[in-house]
Amino acid sequence: MNYVYGATGNSPERHHIQRLQRELQQTRHAAEQKLREYETRARRAEAKAKKAYDLADKDKAELQQQVDQLKRKHLNRYRRDAREMQKLEDQNQRLTDQVDALKTKPTGPYQADLIDLLQTENRKLHQRVLSAQARAYRTTNRPRDTA
């Protein structure tokens, strides 16, 4: 007990001071308890936020991986279409050269049929070239989803 000036023995002032000291101690204890609770809540909230950020980073990494995979897929498809288109153009050129060579040579009994056959084959091949070009164009100029 602290000495209180004018409060001697069991005086009412002394009892009042002791009661105030007990109330102060209880209030301090309650405040410390609340502070510990708030610190615990803050730590839990911080842990939840960290977990959410980690999950968001993981989701972002997965999405980036999917985007890269789709880019590779479309690039491979574009390259395959380009190779196919090049082969078709080469074949088309060979057939055109054969038709031109046959036209310059003297004609035989089956030469007209052969020229017609080669020209028909050339037209079919040209259609395949055009469809391959259209597919390559659609692959590279696909509208992007902005979802």
N, C-alpha and C. Protein backbone atom coordinates (compact mmCIF):
# COMPACT_ATOMS: atom_id res chain seq x y z
N MET A 1 0.83 -1.19 0.00
CA MET A 1 0.00 0.00 0.00
C MET A 1 0.87 1.24 0.00
N ASN A 2 0.43 2.18 -0.80
CA ASN A 2 1.12 3.45 -0.86
C ASN A 2 0.63 4.34 0.27
N TYR A 3 1.52 5.14 0.68
CA TYR A 3 1.11 6.09 1.71
C TYR A 3 0.35 7.21 1.05
N VAL A 4 -0.83 7.48 1.59
CA VAL A 4 -1.66 8.54 1.06
C VAL A 4 -1.76 9.61 2.14
N TYR A 5 -1.41 10.82 1.78
CA TYR A 5 -1.42 11.90 2.75
C TYR A 5 -2.83 12.13 3.27
N GLY A 6 -2.99 12.10 4.52
CA GLY A 6 -4.28 12.35 5.14
C GLY A 6 -5.14 11.13 5.25
N ALA A 7 -4.69 9.98 4.73
CA ALA A 7 -5.50 8.77 4.81
C ALA A 7 -4.81 7.82 5.77
N THR A 8 -5.26 7.78 6.97
CA THR A 8 -4.61 6.95 7.99
C THR A 8 -5.52 5.82 8.39
N GLY A 9 -4.92 4.67 8.72
CA GLY A 9 -5.68 3.54 9.24
C GLY A 9 -6.72 3.05 8.26
N ASN A 10 -7.91 2.89 8.79
CA ASN A 10 -9.02 2.40 7.98
C ASN A 10 -9.96 3.53 7.60
N SER A 11 -9.40 4.63 7.23
CA SER A 11 -10.22 5.79 6.90
C SER A 11 -10.93 5.57 5.57
N PRO A 12 -12.05 6.25 5.34
CA PRO A 12 -12.78 6.10 4.08
C PRO A 12 -11.95 6.52 2.88
N GLU A 13 -11.05 7.49 3.06
CA GLU A 13 -10.21 7.91 1.95
C GLU A 13 -9.30 6.78 1.50
N ARG A 14 -8.75 6.07 2.48
CA ARG A 14 -7.86 4.96 2.18
C ARG A 14 -8.63 3.88 1.42
N HIS A 15 -9.82 3.53 1.89
CA HIS A 15 -10.63 2.53 1.20
C HIS A 15 -10.98 2.98 -0.22
N HIS A 16 -11.28 4.25 -0.37
CA HIS A 16 -11.60 4.80 -1.69
C HIS A 16 -10.40 4.69 -2.63
N ILE A 17 -9.24 5.02 -2.11
CA ILE A 17 -8.01 4.95 -2.92
C ILE A 17 -7.72 3.50 -3.30
N GLN A 18 -7.88 2.58 -2.35
CA GLN A 18 -7.64 1.17 -2.64
C GLN A 18 -8.63 0.66 -3.71
N ARG A 19 -9.89 1.09 -3.60
CA ARG A 19 -10.89 0.69 -4.59
C ARG A 19 -10.51 1.23 -5.98
N LEU A 20 -10.06 2.49 -6.01
CA LEU A 20 -9.64 3.08 -7.29
C LEU A 20 -8.43 2.34 -7.87
N GLN A 21 -7.50 1.94 -6.99
CA GLN A 21 -6.33 1.20 -7.45
C GLN A 21 -6.74 -0.17 -8.01
N ARG A 22 -7.69 -0.85 -7.32
CA ARG A 22 -8.18 -2.15 -7.82
C ARG A 22 -8.87 -1.98 -9.17
N GLU A 23 -9.71 -0.94 -9.29
CA GLU A 23 -10.39 -0.68 -10.56
C GLU A 23 -9.38 -0.39 -11.67
N LEU A 24 -8.35 0.38 -11.32
CA LEU A 24 -7.30 0.68 -12.30
C LEU A 24 -6.59 -0.60 -12.74
N GLN A 25 -6.30 -1.47 -11.76
CA GLN A 25 -5.62 -2.73 -12.08
C GLN A 25 -6.52 -3.62 -12.94
N GLN A 26 -7.81 -3.69 -12.62
CA GLN A 26 -8.75 -4.49 -13.42
C GLN A 26 -8.87 -3.92 -14.84
N THR A 27 -8.95 -2.59 -14.92
CA THR A 27 -9.05 -1.95 -16.24
C THR A 27 -7.79 -2.23 -17.06
N ARG A 28 -6.63 -2.13 -16.41
CA ARG A 28 -5.36 -2.40 -17.09
C ARG A 28 -5.32 -3.85 -17.57
N HIS A 29 -5.76 -4.76 -16.69
CA HIS A 29 -5.78 -6.18 -17.05
C HIS A 29 -6.72 -6.43 -18.24
N ALA A 30 -7.91 -5.82 -18.22
CA ALA A 30 -8.87 -5.97 -19.32
C ALA A 30 -8.30 -5.40 -20.62
N ALA A 31 -7.63 -4.24 -20.51
CA ALA A 31 -7.03 -3.61 -21.70
C ALA A 31 -5.93 -4.50 -22.28
N GLU A 32 -5.11 -5.10 -21.39
CA GLU A 32 -4.06 -5.99 -21.88
C GLU A 32 -4.66 -7.23 -22.55
N GLN A 33 -5.76 -7.74 -21.97
CA GLN A 33 -6.44 -8.90 -22.57
C GLN A 33 -6.97 -8.54 -23.96
N LYS A 34 -7.62 -7.38 -24.08
CA LYS A 34 -8.13 -6.92 -25.38
C LYS A 34 -6.99 -6.76 -26.38
N LEU A 35 -5.89 -6.19 -25.92
CA LEU A 35 -4.73 -5.99 -26.79
C LEU A 35 -4.23 -7.33 -27.32
N ARG A 36 -4.13 -8.34 -26.42
CA ARG A 36 -3.69 -9.67 -26.87
C ARG A 36 -4.67 -10.24 -27.90
N GLU A 37 -5.98 -10.07 -27.67
CA GLU A 37 -6.98 -10.56 -28.62
C GLU A 37 -6.82 -9.87 -29.98
N TYR A 38 -6.64 -8.55 -29.95
CA TYR A 38 -6.48 -7.82 -31.21
C TYR A 38 -5.21 -8.23 -31.94
N GLU A 39 -4.13 -8.45 -31.19
CA GLU A 39 -2.89 -8.90 -31.82
C GLU A 39 -3.08 -10.28 -32.46
N THR A 40 -3.80 -11.16 -31.76
CA THR A 40 -4.07 -12.50 -32.31
C THR A 40 -4.90 -12.39 -33.59
N ARG A 41 -5.94 -11.56 -33.55
CA ARG A 41 -6.77 -11.36 -34.75
C ARG A 41 -5.94 -10.79 -35.89
N ALA A 42 -5.07 -9.84 -35.56
CA ALA A 42 -4.24 -9.24 -36.61
C ALA A 42 -3.31 -10.28 -37.23
N ARG A 43 -2.71 -11.14 -36.38
CA ARG A 43 -1.83 -12.19 -36.92
C ARG A 43 -2.61 -13.15 -37.82
N ARG A 44 -3.83 -13.52 -37.37
CA ARG A 44 -4.65 -14.42 -38.19
C ARG A 44 -5.02 -13.77 -39.52
N ALA A 45 -5.42 -12.50 -39.47
CA ALA A 45 -5.78 -11.79 -40.70
C ALA A 45 -4.56 -11.68 -41.63
N GLU A 46 -3.41 -11.43 -41.04
CA GLU A 46 -2.17 -11.34 -41.84
C GLU A 46 -1.87 -12.69 -42.50
N ALA A 47 -2.06 -13.77 -41.74
CA ALA A 47 -1.81 -15.10 -42.31
C ALA A 47 -2.80 -15.40 -43.44
N LYS A 48 -4.07 -15.02 -43.24
CA LYS A 48 -5.07 -15.23 -44.30
C LYS A 48 -4.72 -14.43 -45.54
N ALA A 49 -4.30 -13.18 -45.34
CA ALA A 49 -3.93 -12.33 -46.48
C ALA A 49 -2.74 -12.93 -47.22
N LYS A 50 -1.74 -13.41 -46.47
CA LYS A 50 -0.57 -14.01 -47.10
C LYS A 50 -0.98 -15.25 -47.90
N LYS A 51 -1.87 -16.05 -47.32
CA LYS A 51 -2.34 -17.25 -48.01
C LYS A 51 -3.09 -16.87 -49.29
N ALA A 52 -3.92 -15.83 -49.20
CA ALA A 52 -4.66 -15.38 -50.38
C ALA A 52 -3.71 -14.87 -51.46
N TYR A 53 -2.67 -14.11 -51.06
CA TYR A 53 -1.69 -13.62 -52.04
C TYR A 53 -0.95 -14.79 -52.68
N ASP A 54 -0.59 -15.80 -51.86
CA ASP A 54 0.10 -16.96 -52.40
C ASP A 54 -0.77 -17.70 -53.40
N LEU A 55 -2.07 -17.86 -53.06
CA LEU A 55 -2.99 -18.52 -53.98
C LEU A 55 -3.15 -17.72 -55.27
N ALA A 56 -3.23 -16.39 -55.13
CA ALA A 56 -3.36 -15.54 -56.32
C ALA A 56 -2.12 -15.67 -57.21
N ASP A 57 -0.93 -15.69 -56.58
CA ASP A 57 0.30 -15.86 -57.36
C ASP A 57 0.31 -17.22 -58.07
N LYS A 58 -0.16 -18.25 -57.34
CA LYS A 58 -0.20 -19.58 -57.94
C LYS A 58 -1.17 -19.61 -59.12
N ASP A 59 -2.35 -19.01 -58.94
CA ASP A 59 -3.33 -18.95 -60.03
C ASP A 59 -2.77 -18.18 -61.22
N LYS A 60 -2.08 -17.07 -60.93
CA LYS A 60 -1.50 -16.27 -62.01
C LYS A 60 -0.46 -17.10 -62.78
N ALA A 61 0.36 -17.84 -62.05
CA ALA A 61 1.37 -18.67 -62.70
C ALA A 61 0.72 -19.76 -63.55
N GLU A 62 -0.36 -20.37 -63.03
CA GLU A 62 -1.06 -21.40 -63.82
C GLU A 62 -1.66 -20.80 -65.08
N LEU A 63 -2.27 -19.62 -64.96
CA LEU A 63 -2.86 -18.97 -66.13
C LEU A 63 -1.78 -18.62 -67.16
N GLN A 64 -0.64 -18.12 -66.68
CA GLN A 64 0.45 -17.79 -67.60
C GLN A 64 0.94 -19.04 -68.32
N GLN A 65 0.99 -20.16 -67.58
CA GLN A 65 1.42 -21.41 -68.19
C GLN A 65 0.42 -21.84 -69.27
N GLN A 66 -0.88 -21.69 -68.99
CA GLN A 66 -1.90 -22.04 -69.99
C GLN A 66 -1.78 -21.14 -71.23
N VAL A 67 -1.54 -19.85 -71.00
CA VAL A 67 -1.38 -18.93 -72.13
C VAL A 67 -0.17 -19.34 -72.98
N ASP A 68 0.95 -19.65 -72.32
CA ASP A 68 2.14 -20.07 -73.05
C ASP A 68 1.88 -21.35 -73.84
N GLN A 69 1.15 -22.28 -73.22
CA GLN A 69 0.83 -23.54 -73.89
C GLN A 69 -0.03 -23.29 -75.13
N LEU A 70 -1.03 -22.41 -75.00
CA LEU A 70 -1.87 -22.10 -76.15
C LEU A 70 -1.07 -21.41 -77.25
N LYS A 71 -0.16 -20.51 -76.86
CA LYS A 71 0.68 -19.85 -77.86
C LYS A 71 1.51 -20.87 -78.63
N ARG A 72 2.13 -21.81 -77.88
CA ARG A 72 2.93 -22.85 -78.54
C ARG A 72 2.07 -23.69 -79.48
N LYS A 73 0.86 -24.04 -79.01
CA LYS A 73 -0.04 -24.86 -79.82
C LYS A 73 -0.39 -24.16 -81.12
N HIS A 74 -0.76 -22.87 -81.03
CA HIS A 74 -1.13 -22.14 -82.24
C HIS A 74 0.08 -21.90 -83.14
N LEU A 75 1.23 -21.66 -82.54
CA LEU A 75 2.44 -21.47 -83.34
C LEU A 75 2.78 -22.76 -84.08
N ASN A 76 2.66 -23.90 -83.40
CA ASN A 76 2.93 -25.18 -84.06
C ASN A 76 1.93 -25.42 -85.19
N ARG A 77 0.66 -25.10 -84.92
CA ARG A 77 -0.36 -25.28 -85.96
C ARG A 77 -0.06 -24.37 -87.14
N TYR A 78 0.35 -23.14 -86.88
CA TYR A 78 0.69 -22.20 -87.96
C TYR A 78 1.87 -22.72 -88.77
N ARG A 79 2.90 -23.22 -88.07
CA ARG A 79 4.07 -23.76 -88.77
C ARG A 79 3.69 -24.97 -89.63
N ARG A 80 2.84 -25.85 -89.06
CA ARG A 80 2.42 -27.03 -89.82
C ARG A 80 1.65 -26.61 -91.07
N ASP A 81 0.74 -25.63 -90.91
CA ASP A 81 -0.02 -25.15 -92.06
C ASP A 81 0.90 -24.50 -93.09
N ALA A 82 1.92 -23.78 -92.62
CA ALA A 82 2.85 -23.14 -93.55
C ALA A 82 3.65 -24.20 -94.32
N ARG A 83 4.09 -25.25 -93.62
CA ARG A 83 4.82 -26.33 -94.31
C ARG A 83 3.92 -27.02 -95.34
N GLU A 84 2.68 -27.29 -94.94
CA GLU A 84 1.75 -27.94 -95.86
C GLU A 84 1.49 -27.05 -97.07
N MET A 85 1.33 -25.75 -96.82
CA MET A 85 1.09 -24.81 -97.91
C MET A 85 2.29 -24.77 -98.86
N GLN A 86 3.50 -24.80 -98.30
CA GLN A 86 4.70 -24.78 -99.14
C GLN A 86 4.77 -26.05 -100.00
N LYS A 87 4.45 -27.20 -99.39
CA LYS A 87 4.46 -28.45 -100.17
C LYS A 87 3.44 -28.40 -101.30
N LEU A 88 2.25 -27.89 -100.97
CA LEU A 88 1.21 -27.80 -102.00
C LEU A 88 1.60 -26.85 -103.12
N GLU A 89 2.22 -25.73 -102.76
CA GLU A 89 2.66 -24.78 -103.79
C GLU A 89 3.75 -25.39 -104.67
N ASP A 90 4.67 -26.15 -104.06
CA ASP A 90 5.71 -26.82 -104.85
C ASP A 90 5.10 -27.85 -105.80
N GLN A 91 4.15 -28.63 -105.28
CA GLN A 91 3.49 -29.62 -106.12
C GLN A 91 2.71 -28.94 -107.25
N ASN A 92 2.07 -27.84 -106.92
CA ASN A 92 1.32 -27.06 -107.92
C ASN A 92 2.27 -26.57 -109.01
N GLN A 93 3.43 -26.08 -108.61
CA GLN A 93 4.41 -25.58 -109.58
C GLN A 93 4.90 -26.71 -110.48
N ARG A 94 5.15 -27.89 -109.90
CA ARG A 94 5.60 -29.03 -110.71
C ARG A 94 4.54 -29.42 -111.74
N LEU A 95 3.28 -29.46 -111.30
CA LEU A 95 2.21 -29.80 -112.25
C LEU A 95 2.08 -28.75 -113.34
N THR A 96 2.21 -27.48 -112.97
CA THR A 96 2.15 -26.41 -113.96
C THR A 96 3.28 -26.57 -114.97
N ASP A 97 4.47 -26.88 -114.48
CA ASP A 97 5.61 -27.09 -115.38
C ASP A 97 5.36 -28.28 -116.31
N GLN A 98 4.77 -29.36 -115.77
CA GLN A 98 4.48 -30.52 -116.62
C GLN A 98 3.46 -30.17 -117.70
N VAL A 99 2.42 -29.42 -117.33
CA VAL A 99 1.41 -29.02 -118.31
C VAL A 99 2.05 -28.16 -119.39
N ASP A 100 2.89 -27.19 -118.97
CA ASP A 100 3.55 -26.32 -119.95
C ASP A 100 4.47 -27.13 -120.87
N ALA A 101 5.18 -28.11 -120.31
CA ALA A 101 6.07 -28.93 -121.13
C ALA A 101 5.27 -29.76 -122.13
N LEU A 102 4.13 -30.28 -121.70
CA LEU A 102 3.32 -31.08 -122.62
C LEU A 102 2.71 -30.22 -123.72
N LYS A 103 2.39 -28.97 -123.38
CA LYS A 103 1.80 -28.09 -124.40
C LYS A 103 2.80 -27.74 -125.48
N THR A 104 4.07 -27.69 -125.16
CA THR A 104 5.09 -27.31 -126.15
C THR A 104 5.53 -28.49 -127.01
N LYS A 105 5.30 -29.71 -126.56
CA LYS A 105 5.70 -30.89 -127.33
C LYS A 105 4.65 -31.20 -128.39
N PRO A 106 5.04 -31.95 -129.41
CA PRO A 106 4.04 -32.37 -130.40
C PRO A 106 3.01 -33.28 -129.74
N THR A 107 1.78 -33.15 -130.18
CA THR A 107 0.68 -33.87 -129.53
C THR A 107 0.60 -35.30 -130.01
N GLY A 108 0.25 -36.19 -129.09
CA GLY A 108 0.02 -37.60 -129.39
C GLY A 108 -1.44 -37.92 -129.13
N PRO A 109 -1.83 -39.17 -129.30
CA PRO A 109 -3.25 -39.52 -129.14
C PRO A 109 -3.76 -39.32 -127.71
N TYR A 110 -2.93 -39.52 -126.68
CA TYR A 110 -3.40 -39.39 -125.31
C TYR A 110 -2.96 -38.10 -124.64
N GLN A 111 -2.25 -37.28 -125.37
CA GLN A 111 -1.68 -36.08 -124.75
C GLN A 111 -2.76 -35.10 -124.31
N ALA A 112 -3.82 -34.93 -125.05
CA ALA A 112 -4.89 -34.00 -124.68
C ALA A 112 -5.55 -34.46 -123.39
N ASP A 113 -5.78 -35.79 -123.28
CA ASP A 113 -6.37 -36.32 -122.05
C ASP A 113 -5.43 -36.12 -120.86
N LEU A 114 -4.14 -36.32 -121.09
CA LEU A 114 -3.15 -36.13 -120.03
C LEU A 114 -3.10 -34.67 -119.59
N ILE A 115 -3.16 -33.75 -120.55
CA ILE A 115 -3.16 -32.32 -120.22
C ILE A 115 -4.40 -31.98 -119.41
N ASP A 116 -5.58 -32.48 -119.82
CA ASP A 116 -6.81 -32.22 -119.06
C ASP A 116 -6.70 -32.78 -117.64
N LEU A 117 -6.17 -33.99 -117.54
CA LEU A 117 -6.02 -34.61 -116.23
C LEU A 117 -5.08 -33.79 -115.34
N LEU A 118 -3.96 -33.35 -115.89
CA LEU A 118 -3.01 -32.56 -115.12
C LEU A 118 -3.61 -31.21 -114.72
N GLN A 119 -4.37 -30.60 -115.64
CA GLN A 119 -4.98 -29.31 -115.31
C GLN A 119 -6.04 -29.48 -114.22
N THR A 120 -6.81 -30.56 -114.28
CA THR A 120 -7.80 -30.83 -113.23
C THR A 120 -7.10 -31.04 -111.89
N GLU A 121 -6.03 -31.83 -111.92
CA GLU A 121 -5.25 -32.07 -110.71
C GLU A 121 -4.67 -30.75 -110.18
N ASN A 122 -4.23 -29.91 -111.08
CA ASN A 122 -3.67 -28.61 -110.71
C ASN A 122 -4.73 -27.73 -110.05
N ARG A 123 -5.95 -27.74 -110.59
CA ARG A 123 -7.04 -26.94 -109.99
C ARG A 123 -7.36 -27.44 -108.58
N LYS A 124 -7.42 -28.77 -108.41
CA LYS A 124 -7.70 -29.33 -107.08
C LYS A 124 -6.61 -28.92 -106.09
N LEU A 125 -5.38 -29.01 -106.56
CA LEU A 125 -4.26 -28.64 -105.71
C LEU A 125 -4.30 -27.16 -105.36
N HIS A 126 -4.67 -26.35 -106.33
CA HIS A 126 -4.78 -24.91 -106.08
C HIS A 126 -5.86 -24.63 -105.02
N GLN A 127 -6.97 -25.37 -105.07
CA GLN A 127 -8.02 -25.21 -104.06
C GLN A 127 -7.49 -25.60 -102.68
N ARG A 128 -6.69 -26.66 -102.60
CA ARG A 128 -6.11 -27.06 -101.31
C ARG A 128 -5.17 -25.98 -100.79
N VAL A 129 -4.40 -25.37 -101.70
CA VAL A 129 -3.51 -24.27 -101.29
C VAL A 129 -4.33 -23.13 -100.72
N LEU A 130 -5.41 -22.77 -101.41
CA LEU A 130 -6.25 -21.66 -100.93
C LEU A 130 -6.88 -21.98 -99.58
N SER A 131 -7.35 -23.21 -99.39
CA SER A 131 -7.96 -23.55 -98.10
C SER A 131 -6.90 -23.58 -97.00
N ALA A 132 -5.68 -24.03 -97.31
CA ALA A 132 -4.61 -24.01 -96.31
C ALA A 132 -4.25 -22.58 -95.95
N GLN A 133 -4.22 -21.69 -96.95
CA GLN A 133 -3.94 -20.28 -96.66
C GLN A 133 -5.03 -19.68 -95.79
N ALA A 134 -6.28 -20.00 -96.08
CA ALA A 134 -7.39 -19.47 -95.27
C ALA A 134 -7.31 -19.99 -93.85
N ARG A 135 -6.97 -21.28 -93.68
CA ARG A 135 -6.85 -21.84 -92.33
C ARG A 135 -5.70 -21.18 -91.57
N ALA A 136 -4.59 -20.95 -92.25
CA ALA A 136 -3.46 -20.29 -91.60
C ALA A 136 -3.83 -18.87 -91.21
N TYR A 137 -4.58 -18.19 -92.05
CA TYR A 137 -5.02 -16.82 -91.74
C TYR A 137 -5.94 -16.83 -90.52
N ARG A 138 -6.88 -17.78 -90.49
CA ARG A 138 -7.81 -17.86 -89.35
C ARG A 138 -7.05 -18.18 -88.07
N THR A 139 -6.04 -19.03 -88.16
CA THR A 139 -5.28 -19.40 -86.97
C THR A 139 -4.54 -18.21 -86.41
N THR A 140 -3.94 -17.39 -87.28
CA THR A 140 -3.14 -16.27 -86.78
C THR A 140 -3.96 -15.04 -86.48
N ASN A 141 -5.10 -14.86 -87.13
CA ASN A 141 -5.90 -13.65 -86.94
C ASN A 141 -7.20 -13.94 -86.22
N ARG A 142 -7.13 -14.87 -85.29
CA ARG A 142 -8.31 -15.24 -84.50
C ARG A 142 -8.66 -14.10 -83.55
N PRO A 143 -9.95 -13.74 -83.43
CA PRO A 143 -10.32 -12.66 -82.49
C PRO A 143 -9.98 -13.09 -81.07
N ARG A 144 -9.40 -12.19 -80.33
CA ARG A 144 -8.97 -12.49 -78.97
C ARG A 144 -10.13 -12.30 -78.00
N ASP A 145 -10.27 -13.25 -77.06
CA ASP A 145 -11.28 -13.09 -76.00
C ASP A 145 -10.69 -12.19 -74.93
N THR A 146 -11.44 -11.19 -74.55
CA THR A 146 -10.95 -10.25 -73.53
C THR A 146 -11.75 -10.45 -72.25
N ALA A 147 -11.92 -11.71 -71.87
CA ALA A 147 -12.70 -12.01 -70.65
C ALA A 147 -11.81 -11.91 -69.44
